């Protein structure tokens, strides 16, 4: 069997524990036949030849346009992009082109850490066997692309400063295609124990393999 290649790119805001968080999933990738390379810079996007999967965990950082263009070109030809929470949905606020690829951008988590439910809304191998799950963490309010394939949603309760968001339904897990490539996003995952929640971990593990070339 030909070994596949995964590139893990991590960095940005340390509050999302990019090293520790990605370290939770690197053994899983290796167990599934990936040769894993780890990078702390988006400069690695300039050489994605032969990379089957990019696992990105970079929050509130900046990316040069040439790096975005290189990532764009690689995904269009089949390289997968996957990640969770701010590591993929709040990575590069300076780049509309990047956010177009991902299909969504973090806007707010009005309630801070809160209890909420994630509901599975579609049959898909990534969420097979899961109906819903509950977490206590940041609930992401996002602006998202209508072409996203939404697999799971979360519903917002009212907030004293933003009472109009009551009942707003936001995607919590989505996939999308970009040319010949696939993108996977899970908005849950602020804390390490979020990622250890069985349903969250299962969804992310499956999402990584699904997105891969």
C-alpha atoms as a PDB file:
ATOM      1  CA  UNK A   1       0.000   0.000   0.000  1.00  0.00           C
ATOM      2  CA  UNK A   2       1.317   3.438  -0.939  1.00  0.00           C
ATOM      3  CA  UNK A   3       1.842   5.596   2.140  1.00  0.00           C
ATOM      4  CA  UNK A   4      -0.129   8.814   2.151  1.00  0.00           C
ATOM      5  CA  UNK A   5       1.248  12.145   3.290  1.00  0.00           C
ATOM      6  CA  UNK A   6      -0.282  14.519   5.823  1.00  0.00           C
ATOM      7  CA  UNK A   7       0.981  17.998   6.648  1.00  0.00           C
ATOM      8  CA  UNK A   8       0.066  19.405  10.070  1.00  0.00           C
ATOM      9  CA  UNK A   9       0.341  23.189  10.195  1.00  0.00           C
ATOM     10  CA  UNK A  10      -0.064  24.666  13.667  1.00  0.00           C
ATOM     11  CA  UNK A  11       0.471  27.979  15.386  1.00  0.00           C
ATOM     12  CA  UNK A  12      -1.142  31.341  15.977  1.00  0.00           C
ATOM     13  CA  UNK A  13      -2.958  32.082  19.220  1.00  0.00           C
ATOM     14  CA  UNK A  14      -1.751  29.769  21.978  1.00  0.00           C
ATOM     15  CA  UNK A  15      -5.142  29.736  23.710  1.00  0.00           C
ATOM     16  CA  UNK A  16      -6.223  26.960  21.364  1.00  0.00           C
ATOM     17  CA  UNK A  17      -3.216  24.807  22.313  1.00  0.00           C
ATOM     18  CA  UNK A  18      -2.256  24.137  18.685  1.00  0.00           C
ATOM     19  CA  UNK A  19       0.610  21.777  19.539  1.00  0.00           C
ATOM     20  CA  UNK A  20      -1.198  19.743  22.176  1.00  0.00           C
ATOM     21  CA  UNK A  21      -4.438  19.658  20.166  1.00  0.00           C
ATOM     22  CA  UNK A  22      -2.861  18.389  16.961  1.00  0.00           C
ATOM     23  CA  UNK A  23      -0.744  15.926  18.925  1.00  0.00           C
ATOM     24  CA  UNK A  24      -4.010  14.205  19.847  1.00  0.00           C
ATOM     25  CA  UNK A  25      -4.621  13.314  16.195  1.00  0.00           C
ATOM     26  CA  UNK A  26      -1.152  12.718  14.767  1.00  0.00           C
ATOM     27  CA  UNK A  27      -0.987   9.133  16.128  1.00  0.00           C
ATOM     28  CA  UNK A  28      -4.373   8.431  14.510  1.00  0.00           C
ATOM     29  CA  UNK A  29      -3.093   9.611  11.149  1.00  0.00           C
ATOM     30  CA  UNK A  30       0.027   7.482  11.481  1.00  0.00           C
ATOM     31  CA  UNK A  31      -2.073   4.450  12.423  1.00  0.00           C
ATOM     32  CA  UNK A  32      -4.027   5.011   9.213  1.00  0.00           C
ATOM     33  CA  UNK A  33      -0.966   4.935   6.999  1.00  0.00           C
ATOM     34  CA  UNK A  34       0.075   8.592   6.818  1.00  0.00           C
ATOM     35  CA  UNK A  35       3.593   9.909   6.810  1.00  0.00           C
ATOM     36  CA  UNK A  36       3.098  13.045   8.946  1.00  0.00           C
ATOM     37  CA  UNK A  37       5.116  16.248   8.636  1.00  0.00           C
ATOM     38  CA  UNK A  38       4.631  19.069  11.155  1.00  0.00           C
ATOM     39  CA  UNK A  39       5.150  22.741  10.349  1.00  0.00           C
ATOM     40  CA  UNK A  40       4.805  25.958  12.330  1.00  0.00           C
ATOM     41  CA  UNK A  41       4.518  28.197   9.280  1.00  0.00           C
ATOM     42  CA  UNK A  42       2.195  28.611   6.302  1.00  0.00           C
ATOM     43  CA  UNK A  43       5.321  28.856   4.179  1.00  0.00           C
ATOM     44  CA  UNK A  44       4.952  25.084   3.950  1.00  0.00           C
ATOM     45  CA  UNK A  45       1.955  25.726   1.674  1.00  0.00           C
ATOM     46  CA  UNK A  46       4.392  26.722  -1.027  1.00  0.00           C
ATOM     47  CA  UNK A  47       5.368  23.049  -1.425  1.00  0.00           C
ATOM     48  CA  UNK A  48       2.296  20.820  -1.202  1.00  0.00           C
ATOM     49  CA  UNK A  49       3.268  18.506  -4.033  1.00  0.00           C
ATOM     50  CA  UNK A  50       2.370  14.974  -2.984  1.00  0.00           C
ATOM     51  CA  UNK A  51       0.510  16.053   0.174  1.00  0.00           C
ATOM     52  CA  UNK A  52      -2.812  14.248   0.531  1.00  0.00           C
ATOM     53  CA  UNK A  53      -4.116  16.067   3.613  1.00  0.00           C
ATOM     54  CA  UNK A  54      -3.483  19.366   5.366  1.00  0.00           C
ATOM     55  CA  UNK A  55      -4.557  19.399   9.003  1.00  0.00           C
ATOM     56  CA  UNK A  56      -4.493  23.057   9.992  1.00  0.00           C
ATOM     57  CA  UNK A  57      -4.626  24.432  13.534  1.00  0.00           C
ATOM     58  CA  UNK A  58      -3.674  28.116  13.224  1.00  0.00           C
ATOM     59  CA  UNK A  59      -5.783  30.765  14.974  1.00  0.00           C
ATOM     60  CA  UNK A  60      -5.896  34.567  14.561  1.00  0.00           C
ATOM     61  CA  UNK A  61      -2.791  34.755  12.456  1.00  0.00           C
ATOM     62  CA  UNK A  62      -1.942  36.271   9.085  1.00  0.00           C
ATOM     63  CA  UNK A  63      -1.114  34.620   5.805  1.00  0.00           C
ATOM     64  CA  UNK A  64       0.659  36.071   2.761  1.00  0.00           C
ATOM     65  CA  UNK A  65      -1.408  36.007  -0.405  1.00  0.00           C
ATOM     66  CA  UNK A  66       1.134  33.798  -2.152  1.00  0.00           C
ATOM     67  CA  UNK A  67       0.655  31.143   0.542  1.00  0.00           C
ATOM     68  CA  UNK A  68      -3.128  31.271   0.082  1.00  0.00           C
ATOM     69  CA  UNK A  69      -2.736  30.926  -3.675  1.00  0.00           C
ATOM     70  CA  UNK A  70      -0.515  27.882  -3.229  1.00  0.00           C
ATOM     71  CA  UNK A  71      -2.967  26.264  -0.805  1.00  0.00           C
ATOM     72  CA  UNK A  72      -5.831  27.069  -3.169  1.00  0.00           C
ATOM     73  CA  UNK A  73      -4.045  25.446  -6.101  1.00  0.00           C
ATOM     74  CA  UNK A  74      -3.239  22.308  -4.099  1.00  0.00           C
ATOM     75  CA  UNK A  75      -6.806  21.832  -2.858  1.00  0.00           C
ATOM     76  CA  UNK A  76      -8.199  22.373  -6.359  1.00  0.00           C
ATOM     77  CA  UNK A  77      -6.092  19.445  -7.536  1.00  0.00           C
ATOM     78  CA  UNK A  78      -7.158  17.117  -4.712  1.00  0.00           C
ATOM     79  CA  UNK A  79      -5.267  17.895  -1.485  1.00  0.00           C
ATOM     80  CA  UNK A  80      -7.674  17.835   1.449  1.00  0.00           C
ATOM     81  CA  UNK A  81      -7.988  20.559   4.099  1.00  0.00           C
ATOM     82  CA  UNK A  82      -9.384  19.796   7.550  1.00  0.00           C
ATOM     83  CA  UNK A  83      -9.507  21.279  11.005  1.00  0.00           C
ATOM     84  CA  UNK A  84     -11.588  22.402  13.937  1.00  0.00           C
ATOM     85  CA  UNK A  85     -12.675  25.539  15.770  1.00  0.00           C
ATOM     86  CA  UNK A  86     -10.534  28.668  15.347  1.00  0.00           C
ATOM     87  CA  UNK A  87      -7.695  26.608  13.900  1.00  0.00           C
ATOM     88  CA  UNK A  88      -9.538  26.554  10.586  1.00  0.00           C
ATOM     89  CA  UNK A  89     -12.557  28.887  10.970  1.00  0.00           C
ATOM     90  CA  UNK A  90     -10.715  31.863  12.504  1.00  0.00           C
ATOM     91  CA  UNK A  91      -7.252  31.460  11.050  1.00  0.00           C
ATOM     92  CA  UNK A  92      -6.617  34.418   8.780  1.00  0.00           C
ATOM     93  CA  UNK A  93      -9.047  37.310   9.110  1.00  0.00           C
ATOM     94  CA  UNK A  94      -6.949  39.245   6.631  1.00  0.00           C
ATOM     95  CA  UNK A  95      -7.703  36.843   3.786  1.00  0.00           C
ATOM     96  CA  UNK A  96     -11.125  36.732   2.150  1.00  0.00           C
ATOM     97  CA  UNK A  97      -9.696  34.232  -0.342  1.00  0.00           C
ATOM     98  CA  UNK A  98      -8.803  31.814   2.456  1.00  0.00           C
ATOM     99  CA  UNK A  99     -12.238  32.154   4.044  1.00  0.00           C
ATOM    100  CA  UNK A 100     -13.847  31.462   0.659  1.00  0.00           C
ATOM    101  CA  UNK A 101     -11.978  28.136   0.518  1.00  0.00           C
ATOM    102  CA  UNK A 102     -13.017  27.157   4.052  1.00  0.00           C
ATOM    103  CA  UNK A 103     -16.648  28.144   3.568  1.00  0.00           C
ATOM    104  CA  UNK A 104     -17.099  30.002   6.827  1.00  0.00           C
ATOM    105  CA  UNK A 105     -15.627  32.498   9.264  1.00  0.00           C
ATOM    106  CA  UNK A 106     -15.979  32.776  13.042  1.00  0.00           C
ATOM    107  CA  UNK A 107     -17.815  35.954  14.035  1.00  0.00           C
ATOM    108  CA  UNK A 108     -18.535  35.614  17.763  1.00  0.00           C
ATOM    109  CA  UNK A 109     -19.188  33.301  20.679  1.00  0.00           C
ATOM    110  CA  UNK A 110     -21.718  35.508  22.489  1.00  0.00           C
ATOM    111  CA  UNK A 111     -22.320  33.220  25.463  1.00  0.00           C
ATOM    112  CA  UNK A 112     -18.664  32.480  26.157  1.00  0.00           C
ATOM    113  CA  UNK A 113     -18.458  29.011  27.666  1.00  0.00           C
ATOM    114  CA  UNK A 114     -21.951  27.587  27.677  1.00  0.00           C
ATOM    115  CA  UNK A 115     -23.883  24.342  27.555  1.00  0.00           C
ATOM    116  CA  UNK A 116     -25.277  23.555  24.137  1.00  0.00           C
ATOM    117  CA  UNK A 117     -26.351  20.679  21.948  1.00  0.00           C
ATOM    118  CA  UNK A 118     -25.013  19.739  18.543  1.00  0.00           C
ATOM    119  CA  UNK A 119     -27.651  18.081  16.359  1.00  0.00           C
ATOM    120  CA  UNK A 120     -26.780  15.834  13.422  1.00  0.00           C
ATOM    121  CA  UNK A 121     -28.909  16.903  10.468  1.00  0.00           C
ATOM    122  CA  UNK A 122     -27.747  14.716   7.607  1.00  0.00           C
ATOM    123  CA  UNK A 123     -26.784  11.129   6.884  1.00  0.00           C
ATOM    124  CA  UNK A 124     -23.082  11.062   6.118  1.00  0.00           C
ATOM    125  CA  UNK A 125     -20.204   8.682   6.911  1.00  0.00           C
ATOM    126  CA  UNK A 126     -18.543  11.362   9.079  1.00  0.00           C
ATOM    127  CA  UNK A 127     -21.475  11.448  11.512  1.00  0.00           C
ATOM    128  CA  UNK A 128     -22.825   7.925  11.086  1.00  0.00           C
ATOM    129  CA  UNK A 129     -24.298   6.507  14.284  1.00  0.00           C
ATOM    130  CA  UNK A 130     -24.402   9.889  16.073  1.00  0.00           C
ATOM    131  CA  UNK A 131     -27.729  11.677  16.639  1.00  0.00           C
ATOM    132  CA  UNK A 132     -26.629  14.547  18.863  1.00  0.00           C
ATOM    133  CA  UNK A 133     -24.214  15.377  21.660  1.00  0.00           C
ATOM    134  CA  UNK A 134     -23.864  17.993  24.385  1.00  0.00           C
ATOM    135  CA  UNK A 135     -20.825  20.084  25.201  1.00  0.00           C
ATOM    136  CA  UNK A 136     -19.825  22.920  27.537  1.00  0.00           C
ATOM    137  CA  UNK A 137     -17.571  25.184  25.533  1.00  0.00           C
ATOM    138  CA  UNK A 138     -17.597  28.084  23.084  1.00  0.00           C
ATOM    139  CA  UNK A 139     -20.557  28.041  20.713  1.00  0.00           C
ATOM    140  CA  UNK A 140     -19.433  29.521  17.407  1.00  0.00           C
ATOM    141  CA  UNK A 141     -21.599  32.038  15.585  1.00  0.00           C
ATOM    142  CA  UNK A 142     -20.315  31.979  12.007  1.00  0.00           C
ATOM    143  CA  UNK A 143     -20.876  33.551   8.622  1.00  0.00           C
ATOM    144  CA  UNK A 144     -20.995  30.647   6.210  1.00  0.00           C
ATOM    145  CA  UNK A 145     -21.253  29.760   2.547  1.00  0.00           C
ATOM    146  CA  UNK A 146     -24.640  28.510   1.298  1.00  0.00           C
ATOM    147  CA  UNK A 147     -22.821  25.857  -0.747  1.00  0.00           C
ATOM    148  CA  UNK A 148     -21.513  24.182   2.434  1.00  0.00           C
ATOM    149  CA  UNK A 149     -22.764  20.663   3.051  1.00  0.00           C
ATOM    150  CA  UNK A 150     -23.930  21.041   6.664  1.00  0.00           C
ATOM    151  CA  UNK A 151     -23.762  17.821   8.691  1.00  0.00           C
ATOM    152  CA  UNK A 152     -24.526  19.196  12.162  1.00  0.00           C
ATOM    153  CA  UNK A 153     -26.002  22.372  13.610  1.00  0.00           C
ATOM    154  CA  UNK A 154     -26.344  24.179  16.919  1.00  0.00           C
ATOM    155  CA  UNK A 155     -29.149  26.538  17.964  1.00  0.00           C
ATOM    156  CA  UNK A 156     -28.516  29.746  19.886  1.00  0.00           C
ATOM    157  CA  UNK A 157     -30.468  30.892  22.900  1.00  0.00           C
ATOM    158  CA  UNK A 158     -31.155  34.559  23.560  1.00  0.00           C
ATOM    159  CA  UNK A 159     -28.393  36.830  24.846  1.00  0.00           C
ATOM    160  CA  UNK A 160     -29.057  40.023  26.834  1.00  0.00           C
ATOM    161  CA  UNK A 161     -26.912  42.062  24.449  1.00  0.00           C
ATOM    162  CA  UNK A 162     -28.137  40.281  21.298  1.00  0.00           C
ATOM    163  CA  UNK A 163     -31.693  39.072  21.963  1.00  0.00           C
ATOM    164  CA  UNK A 164     -32.319  38.775  18.213  1.00  0.00           C
ATOM    165  CA  UNK A 165     -30.033  35.748  17.881  1.00  0.00           C
ATOM    166  CA  UNK A 166     -32.486  33.538  19.790  1.00  0.00           C
ATOM    167  CA  UNK A 167     -33.294  30.524  17.662  1.00  0.00           C
ATOM    168  CA  UNK A 168     -30.483  31.182  15.172  1.00  0.00           C
ATOM    169  CA  UNK A 169     -29.283  27.871  13.739  1.00  0.00           C
ATOM    170  CA  UNK A 170     -25.589  27.707  12.916  1.00  0.00           C
ATOM    171  CA  UNK A 171     -23.567  24.945  11.250  1.00  0.00           C
ATOM    172  CA  UNK A 172     -21.302  23.127  13.677  1.00  0.00           C
ATOM    173  CA  UNK A 173     -19.873  20.600  11.211  1.00  0.00           C
ATOM    174  CA  UNK A 174     -19.677  21.039   7.470  1.00  0.00           C
ATOM    175  CA  UNK A 175     -17.925  19.730   4.402  1.00  0.00           C
ATOM    176  CA  UNK A 176     -17.428  21.297   1.009  1.00  0.00           C
ATOM    177  CA  UNK A 177     -15.621  20.724  -2.230  1.00  0.00           C
ATOM    178  CA  UNK A 178     -13.073  23.086  -3.763  1.00  0.00           C
ATOM    179  CA  UNK A 179     -12.219  21.983  -7.258  1.00  0.00           C
ATOM    180  CA  UNK A 180     -11.172  18.353  -6.905  1.00  0.00           C
ATOM    181  CA  UNK A 181     -10.360  18.806  -3.229  1.00  0.00           C
ATOM    182  CA  UNK A 182     -12.440  18.421  -0.080  1.00  0.00           C
ATOM    183  CA  UNK A 183     -12.683  20.599   3.035  1.00  0.00           C
ATOM    184  CA  UNK A 184     -13.862  19.502   6.495  1.00  0.00           C
ATOM    185  CA  UNK A 185     -14.683  21.869   9.367  1.00  0.00           C
ATOM    186  CA  UNK A 186     -15.856  21.210  12.943  1.00  0.00           C
ATOM    187  CA  UNK A 187     -16.487  24.362  14.994  1.00  0.00           C
ATOM    188  CA  UNK A 188     -16.300  22.531  18.346  1.00  0.00           C
ATOM    189  CA  UNK A 189     -12.822  22.255  19.821  1.00  0.00           C
ATOM    190  CA  UNK A 190     -11.710  25.219  21.922  1.00  0.00           C
ATOM    191  CA  UNK A 191     -10.324  23.082  24.744  1.00  0.00           C
ATOM    192  CA  UNK A 192      -8.420  19.830  24.770  1.00  0.00           C
ATOM    193  CA  UNK A 193     -11.227  18.109  26.653  1.00  0.00           C
ATOM    194  CA  UNK A 194     -13.635  19.204  23.878  1.00  0.00           C
ATOM    195  CA  UNK A 195     -11.508  17.200  21.485  1.00  0.00           C
ATOM    196  CA  UNK A 196     -11.610  14.208  23.838  1.00  0.00           C
ATOM    197  CA  UNK A 197     -15.435  14.192  23.834  1.00  0.00           C
ATOM    198  CA  UNK A 198     -16.119  10.847  22.124  1.00  0.00           C
ATOM    199  CA  UNK A 199     -18.490  12.224  19.485  1.00  0.00           C
ATOM    200  CA  UNK A 200     -16.239  15.177  18.689  1.00  0.00           C
ATOM    201  CA  UNK A 201     -13.145  13.025  18.421  1.00  0.00           C
ATOM    202  CA  UNK A 202     -14.932  10.511  16.204  1.00  0.00           C
ATOM    203  CA  UNK A 203     -16.266  13.229  13.899  1.00  0.00           C
ATOM    204  CA  UNK A 204     -12.840  14.865  13.540  1.00  0.00           C
ATOM    205  CA  UNK A 205     -11.038  11.564  12.937  1.00  0.00           C
ATOM    206  CA  UNK A 206     -13.542  10.615  10.262  1.00  0.00           C
ATOM    207  CA  UNK A 207     -13.399  14.122   8.810  1.00  0.00           C
ATOM    208  CA  UNK A 208      -9.641  13.940   8.411  1.00  0.00           C
ATOM    209  CA  UNK A 209      -9.835  10.718   6.436  1.00  0.00           C
ATOM    210  CA  UNK A 210     -12.817  11.936   4.411  1.00  0.00           C
ATOM    211  CA  UNK A 211     -11.056  15.131   3.329  1.00  0.00           C
ATOM    212  CA  UNK A 212      -7.838  13.398   2.340  1.00  0.00           C
ATOM    213  CA  UNK A 213      -6.976  12.819  -1.307  1.00  0.00           C
END
